[in-house]
Amino acid sequence: MAQGMPMPGAVTPSPRTAVVWEALTGLLDERAAAGAAAISVLDLGGGTGGFAVPLASLGHEVTVVDESADALATLARRAAEHGVTVRGVQGDASDLGASVSAAVDLVLCHNVLEYVDDPAATLAEVAAVLRPGAAVSVLAPNRLAAVVHRALAGRFAEAKHALGDRLGTWGAGDPMPRRFTLADLTVLLTGAGLEVTAVHGVRVFADLVPGGVADGEPGGQAALLALEKVAAEHPELRALATSLHVVAMRRDD
């Protein structure tokens, strides 16, 4: 079956992840076109399989590494419901080499860096399990978006705090331990020996548009999604995105 065609019963990610999903499938299609026989994906912190199960449905070999036994149990049930196999390993970012038996074609590091103690060490672990020419997909919360969102909510002091805080948090009650700018992520990835090749803004407008507005007009959701896809590539607009998506490659040795 062609890499771009889903198997019967395949699931697709939500519209909120459409930009990331298109980037991932494009990467994997390129890897297949380059002659990779079986494409292997490692989803670090992949939890219940929001990306892992759709990728397995496309015929890829997917491993999820997650600390939570409960999340991995849910992942196993979800994979079984969709008739696919996803390998689940209980572990964390500190020793990825122990969780995989061979180098992989793609690592997903989505919503991980904000929670680990040492993002640089985590990306070094990621780089170590990539084959030459393979990629890492990093999704992380955007510091500048938090400033805008707090200001629009009337929380001006919190917005100011987030703008100046070393970790990009808006105060003691912030549930997010850390946020990043694109410059932060670029420094971390290049420090791990990886080359940034693509940047996308994720949810540029979706989290700013008042609830129900997109549903109020026929085709509103589709129009919002089309706008998001264009805005994701726009250097100025992606600064407003709730999350930043960065693709980086390990070049051939």
Protein backbone atom coordinates (compact mmCIF):
# COMPACT_ATOMS: atom_id res chain seq x y z
CA MET A 1 0.00 0.00 0.00
CA ALA A 2 1.33 3.47 -0.85
CA GLN A 3 2.76 5.44 2.07
CA GLY A 4 0.32 8.31 1.58
CA MET A 5 -2.80 6.10 1.61
CA PRO A 6 -4.37 5.11 4.94
CA MET A 7 -5.26 1.53 5.69
CA PRO A 8 -8.91 0.58 6.19
CA GLY A 9 -10.09 1.86 9.55
CA ALA A 10 -7.27 4.44 9.76
CA VAL A 11 -7.81 7.41 12.01
CA THR A 12 -6.83 10.98 11.29
CA PRO A 13 -5.63 13.68 13.71
CA SER A 14 -7.91 16.55 14.70
CA PRO A 15 -7.96 19.82 12.74
CA ARG A 16 -5.94 21.37 15.58
CA THR A 17 -3.02 19.14 14.61
CA ALA A 18 -3.46 19.31 10.84
CA VAL A 19 -0.37 21.46 10.22
CA VAL A 20 1.87 19.07 12.17
CA TRP A 21 0.25 16.02 10.58
CA GLU A 22 0.89 17.27 7.05
CA ALA A 23 4.51 18.03 7.92
CA LEU A 24 5.02 14.53 9.36
CA THR A 25 3.47 12.66 6.47
CA GLY A 26 5.51 14.76 4.06
CA LEU A 27 8.71 13.82 5.89
CA LEU A 28 7.83 10.15 5.85
CA ASP A 29 6.88 10.20 2.19
CA GLU A 30 10.27 11.75 1.41
CA ARG A 31 11.98 9.04 3.44
CA ALA A 32 10.07 6.37 1.54
CA ALA A 33 10.93 7.97 -1.80
CA ALA A 34 14.60 7.88 -0.79
CA GLY A 35 14.38 4.11 -0.57
CA ALA A 36 13.64 3.35 3.07
CA ALA A 37 12.01 -0.08 3.09
CA ALA A 38 10.37 0.09 6.52
CA ILE A 39 10.08 3.52 8.13
CA SER A 40 10.52 3.57 11.89
CA VAL A 41 9.04 6.25 14.14
CA LEU A 42 9.75 6.88 17.83
CA ASP A 43 7.13 8.94 19.65
CA LEU A 44 8.70 10.27 22.84
CA GLY A 45 6.05 10.99 25.44
CA GLY A 46 3.45 9.84 22.94
CA GLY A 47 1.00 8.87 25.64
CA THR A 48 -2.24 7.37 24.36
CA GLY A 49 -1.25 7.45 20.69
CA GLY A 50 -2.79 10.59 19.20
CA PHE A 51 -0.09 10.58 16.52
CA ALA A 52 1.26 7.05 16.92
CA VAL A 53 -1.92 5.23 15.92
CA PRO A 54 -2.56 7.28 12.74
CA LEU A 55 1.08 6.81 11.73
CA ALA A 56 0.85 3.07 12.31
CA SER A 57 -2.32 3.10 10.22
CA LEU A 58 -0.18 4.35 7.34
CA GLY A 59 2.01 1.28 7.64
CA HIS A 60 4.92 2.72 9.61
CA GLU A 61 6.70 0.96 12.47
CA VAL A 62 5.89 3.04 15.55
CA THR A 63 7.25 2.87 19.10
CA VAL A 64 5.89 5.04 21.91
CA VAL A 65 8.10 5.75 24.92
CA ASP A 66 6.16 7.16 27.85
CA GLU A 67 6.52 7.22 31.63
CA SER A 68 2.86 6.44 32.27
CA ALA A 69 1.77 2.80 32.40
CA ASP A 70 -1.87 3.93 32.24
CA ALA A 71 -1.25 5.92 29.06
CA LEU A 72 0.48 2.94 27.45
CA ALA A 73 -2.45 0.69 28.37
CA THR A 74 -4.82 3.12 26.68
CA LEU A 75 -2.48 3.22 23.68
CA ALA A 76 -2.62 -0.59 23.38
CA ARG A 77 -6.43 -0.53 23.44
CA ARG A 78 -6.62 2.26 20.87
CA ALA A 79 -4.20 0.50 18.55
CA ALA A 80 -6.19 -2.73 18.84
CA GLU A 81 -9.43 -0.91 18.05
CA HIS A 82 -7.88 0.35 14.80
CA GLY A 83 -6.25 -2.93 13.88
CA VAL A 84 -2.66 -1.69 14.05
CA THR A 85 0.43 -2.54 16.05
CA VAL A 86 2.23 0.09 18.12
CA ARG A 87 5.05 -0.91 20.45
CA GLY A 88 4.75 0.71 23.87
CA VAL A 89 7.77 1.09 26.16
CA GLN A 90 7.64 2.52 29.66
CA GLY A 91 10.56 4.90 29.95
CA ASP A 92 11.59 8.53 29.70
CA ALA A 93 13.81 10.92 27.80
CA SER A 94 16.87 10.31 29.95
CA ASP A 95 17.90 7.04 28.26
CA LEU A 96 16.24 6.62 24.87
CA GLY A 97 18.96 4.25 23.73
CA ALA A 98 17.64 1.65 26.16
CA SER A 99 14.15 1.93 24.66
CA VAL A 100 14.99 1.35 20.99
CA SER A 101 16.94 -1.49 19.44
CA ALA A 102 18.03 0.37 16.31
CA ALA A 103 18.30 3.90 14.93
CA VAL A 104 15.04 5.42 13.68
CA ASP A 105 13.85 7.55 10.76
CA LEU A 106 11.75 10.02 12.74
CA VAL A 107 11.43 11.03 16.38
CA LEU A 108 8.38 12.92 17.62
CA CYS A 109 9.22 15.15 20.57
CA HIS A 110 5.83 16.78 21.04
CA ASN A 111 4.99 18.65 24.25
CA VAL A 112 8.00 17.14 26.00
CA LEU A 113 10.69 19.80 26.24
CA GLU A 114 8.58 22.04 28.46
CA TYR A 115 8.42 19.32 31.14
CA VAL A 116 11.89 17.76 31.20
CA ASP A 117 14.57 19.00 33.58
CA ASP A 118 17.16 19.48 30.84
CA PRO A 119 15.85 20.11 27.28
CA ALA A 120 19.39 20.12 25.86
CA ALA A 121 20.12 16.67 27.30
CA THR A 122 16.81 15.36 25.97
CA LEU A 123 17.59 16.53 22.44
CA ALA A 124 21.06 15.00 22.69
CA GLU A 125 19.36 11.66 23.47
CA VAL A 126 17.04 12.18 20.50
CA ALA A 127 19.89 12.97 18.13
CA ALA A 128 21.72 9.82 19.23
CA VAL A 129 18.90 7.52 18.06
CA LEU A 130 18.42 9.15 14.64
CA ARG A 131 19.77 7.57 11.50
CA PRO A 132 21.82 9.88 9.25
CA GLY A 133 19.31 11.84 7.18
CA ALA A 134 16.55 11.22 9.72
CA ALA A 135 14.46 13.93 11.39
CA VAL A 136 13.05 15.08 14.70
CA SER A 137 9.70 16.83 14.98
CA VAL A 138 9.59 19.18 17.97
CA LEU A 139 6.35 20.75 19.18
CA ALA A 140 6.64 23.19 22.08
CA PRO A 141 4.64 26.05 23.63
CA ASN A 142 5.39 29.52 22.30
CA ARG A 143 6.41 32.16 24.84
CA LEU A 144 5.13 35.10 22.76
CA ALA A 145 1.70 33.55 22.34
CA ALA A 146 1.34 33.25 26.11
CA VAL A 147 2.03 36.98 26.42
CA VAL A 148 -0.67 37.80 23.85
CA HIS A 149 -3.21 35.37 25.33
CA ARG A 150 -2.80 36.71 28.88
CA ALA A 151 -3.10 40.29 27.64
CA LEU A 152 -6.27 39.54 25.67
CA ALA A 153 -7.72 37.96 28.82
CA GLY A 154 -7.10 41.21 30.67
CA ARG A 155 -4.28 39.70 32.74
CA PHE A 156 -1.80 42.44 31.91
CA ALA A 157 0.59 41.90 34.82
CA GLU A 158 0.81 38.22 33.95
CA ALA A 159 1.47 39.08 30.30
CA LYS A 160 4.31 41.37 31.36
CA HIS A 161 5.70 38.67 33.64
CA ALA A 162 5.67 36.09 30.85
CA LEU A 163 7.48 38.48 28.54
CA GLY A 164 10.36 38.94 30.96
CA ASP A 165 10.46 35.60 32.76
CA ARG A 166 13.48 33.40 32.00
CA LEU A 167 11.22 30.37 31.45
CA GLY A 168 8.34 32.24 29.82
CA THR A 169 5.84 31.54 32.59
CA TRP A 170 3.23 34.07 33.61
CA GLY A 171 3.41 33.47 37.37
CA ALA A 172 3.24 31.01 40.24
CA GLY A 173 -0.11 29.63 39.06
CA ASP A 174 1.03 28.87 35.52
CA PRO A 175 0.62 25.13 34.83
CA MET A 176 3.27 25.27 32.09
CA PRO A 177 6.81 24.91 33.49
CA ARG A 178 8.57 26.41 30.49
CA ARG A 179 7.91 28.06 27.12
CA PHE A 180 10.20 28.74 24.17
CA THR A 181 10.91 31.22 21.44
CA LEU A 182 12.00 30.05 18.01
CA ALA A 183 15.50 31.26 18.87
CA ASP A 184 15.49 29.08 22.00
CA LEU A 185 14.52 25.97 20.05
CA THR A 186 17.02 26.68 17.30
CA VAL A 187 19.87 26.96 19.82
CA LEU A 188 18.83 23.69 21.49
CA LEU A 189 18.57 21.77 18.22
CA THR A 190 21.80 23.06 16.73
CA GLY A 191 23.51 22.33 20.04
CA ALA A 192 22.43 18.71 19.61
CA GLY A 193 24.07 18.62 16.19
CA LEU A 194 20.82 18.94 14.24
CA GLU A 195 19.95 21.30 11.39
CA VAL A 196 16.62 23.14 11.45
CA THR A 197 14.87 22.66 8.11
CA ALA A 198 11.28 23.82 8.70
CA VAL A 199 9.30 25.92 11.15
CA HIS A 200 5.52 26.12 11.51
CA GLY A 201 3.17 28.01 13.76
CA VAL A 202 0.46 25.77 15.21
CA ARG A 203 -2.90 27.29 16.15
CA VAL A 204 -2.13 30.82 15.03
CA PHE A 205 -5.79 31.87 15.03
CA ALA A 206 -7.66 28.84 16.38
CA ASP A 207 -7.03 29.83 20.01
CA LEU A 208 -7.75 33.53 19.39
CA VAL A 209 -11.08 33.21 17.58
CA PRO A 210 -13.99 33.26 20.08
CA GLY A 211 -15.72 29.91 20.51
CA GLY A 212 -18.50 29.25 18.04
CA VAL A 213 -17.43 31.88 15.49
CA ALA A 214 -16.05 29.32 13.04
CA ASP A 215 -19.18 27.21 13.46
CA GLY A 216 -21.49 30.14 12.85
CA GLU A 217 -21.02 30.22 9.09
CA PRO A 218 -21.29 27.37 6.57
CA GLY A 219 -17.81 26.12 5.85
CA GLY A 220 -16.37 28.16 8.70
CA GLN A 221 -14.25 25.35 10.14
CA ALA A 222 -12.81 24.50 6.73
CA ALA A 223 -12.03 28.16 6.07
CA LEU A 224 -10.31 28.50 9.46
CA LEU A 225 -8.26 25.39 8.76
CA ALA A 226 -7.22 26.75 5.35
CA LEU A 227 -6.18 30.01 7.01
CA GLU A 228 -4.21 28.13 9.68
CA LYS A 229 -2.26 26.22 7.03
CA VAL A 230 -1.22 29.45 5.30
CA ALA A 231 -0.47 31.29 8.55
CA ALA A 232 1.66 28.39 9.77
CA GLU A 233 4.28 29.24 7.16
CA HIS A 234 4.17 33.03 7.66
CA PRO A 235 7.23 34.23 9.63
CA GLU A 236 5.43 37.11 11.36
CA LEU A 237 2.10 35.39 12.03
CA ARG A 238 3.63 32.23 13.46
CA ALA A 239 4.96 34.38 16.32
CA LEU A 240 1.33 34.41 17.54
CA ALA A 241 0.93 30.64 17.38
CA THR A 242 0.13 28.79 20.58
CA SER A 243 2.83 26.25 19.74
CA LEU A 244 5.92 26.20 17.56
CA HIS A 245 6.63 23.18 15.36
CA VAL A 246 10.26 22.77 14.31
CA VAL A 247 11.68 20.03 12.09
CA ALA A 248 15.40 19.35 12.29
CA MET A 249 17.56 16.80 10.49
CA ARG A 250 20.58 14.74 11.29
CA ARG A 251 22.72 15.17 8.22
CA ASP A 252 24.71 12.30 6.76
CA ASP A 253 28.02 11.76 8.55
